[in-house]
Amino acid sequence: MMITSKEDFIAWCEKHNLKTDEAAKVLGTSRANGFKFANGTRPVSQSVAYGAETLDLLADKKRQTLIKERLAKVSK
């Protein structure tokens, strides 16, 4: 799934059971950008869209592990 709109971003968050700020961390962007993507005040950047698409290509277990690692790493 290529994220090209706020609806796509929100759907991607829901698909992976992530809050907006968590999705931003996982995708390597700021919390503020995550909220701007979600409310449509900023277009989703190409690098964020590609990151989400790449994560979706991983096997489910690998993707979940990577998401958990990114959330844990950023939280420290």
Protein backbone atom coordinates (compact mmCIF):
# COMPACT_ATOMS: atom_id res chain seq x y z
CA MET A 1 0.00 0.00 0.00
CA MET A 2 1.47 3.30 -1.08
CA ILE A 3 0.55 6.12 1.28
CA THR A 4 -0.47 9.12 -0.79
CA SER A 5 -3.17 10.78 1.35
CA LYS A 6 -4.22 11.39 4.93
CA GLU A 7 -6.74 8.55 4.57
CA ASP A 8 -3.96 6.19 3.47
CA PHE A 9 -1.79 7.25 6.41
CA ILE A 10 -4.62 6.70 8.89
CA ALA A 11 -5.44 3.33 7.31
CA TRP A 12 -1.77 2.29 7.54
CA CYS A 13 -1.70 3.22 11.24
CA GLU A 14 -4.88 1.23 11.86
CA LYS A 15 -3.59 -1.74 9.87
CA HIS A 16 -0.56 -1.97 12.17
CA ASN A 17 -2.40 -0.96 15.37
CA LEU A 18 -0.25 2.14 15.77
CA LYS A 19 -1.15 5.53 17.16
CA THR A 20 -0.19 8.45 14.96
CA ASP A 21 2.89 9.33 17.01
CA GLU A 22 4.01 5.68 17.07
CA ALA A 23 3.65 5.42 13.29
CA ALA A 24 5.77 8.54 12.92
CA LYS A 25 8.51 6.98 15.06
CA VAL A 26 8.40 3.72 13.12
CA LEU A 27 8.58 5.57 9.80
CA GLY A 28 11.43 7.83 10.90
CA THR A 29 9.67 11.18 10.97
CA SER A 30 8.73 13.58 13.71
CA ARG A 31 5.65 13.28 15.87
CA ALA A 32 4.50 16.65 14.50
CA ASN A 33 4.78 15.42 10.92
CA GLY A 34 2.80 12.31 11.79
CA PHE A 35 -0.07 14.44 13.06
CA LYS A 36 0.16 16.73 10.03
CA PHE A 37 -0.01 13.71 7.70
CA ALA A 38 -3.02 12.38 9.64
CA ASN A 39 -4.98 15.62 9.55
CA GLY A 40 -4.03 16.48 5.98
CA THR A 41 -2.18 19.73 6.66
CA ARG A 42 1.01 18.27 5.18
CA PRO A 43 1.33 15.85 2.28
CA VAL A 44 2.92 12.51 3.14
CA SER A 45 6.57 12.70 2.14
CA GLN A 46 7.91 10.29 -0.43
CA SER A 47 10.44 8.85 2.02
CA VAL A 48 7.70 8.10 4.57
CA ALA A 49 5.50 6.54 1.88
CA TYR A 50 8.39 4.36 0.68
CA GLY A 51 9.21 3.35 4.27
CA ALA A 52 5.64 2.25 4.89
CA GLU A 53 5.54 0.36 1.62
CA THR A 54 8.80 -1.39 2.44
CA LEU A 55 7.55 -2.44 5.88
CA ASP A 56 4.42 -3.85 4.26
CA LEU A 57 6.57 -6.06 2.03
CA LEU A 58 8.11 -7.84 5.03
CA ALA A 59 6.69 -11.06 6.40
CA ASP A 60 4.27 -10.41 9.25
CA LYS A 61 6.52 -11.68 12.05
CA LYS A 62 9.55 -9.78 10.74
CA ARG A 63 7.48 -6.59 10.33
CA GLN A 64 6.08 -6.81 13.87
CA THR A 65 9.55 -7.41 15.31
CA LEU A 66 10.98 -4.44 13.41
CA ILE A 67 8.12 -2.17 14.53
CA LYS A 68 8.65 -3.18 18.17
CA GLU A 69 12.41 -2.61 17.87
CA ARG A 70 11.94 0.85 16.36
CA LEU A 71 9.45 1.86 19.03
CA ALA A 72 11.74 0.60 21.80
CA LYS A 73 14.85 2.23 20.32
CA VAL A 74 13.27 5.64 19.94
CA SER A 75 11.70 5.53 23.39
CA LYS A 76 15.05 5.21 25.15
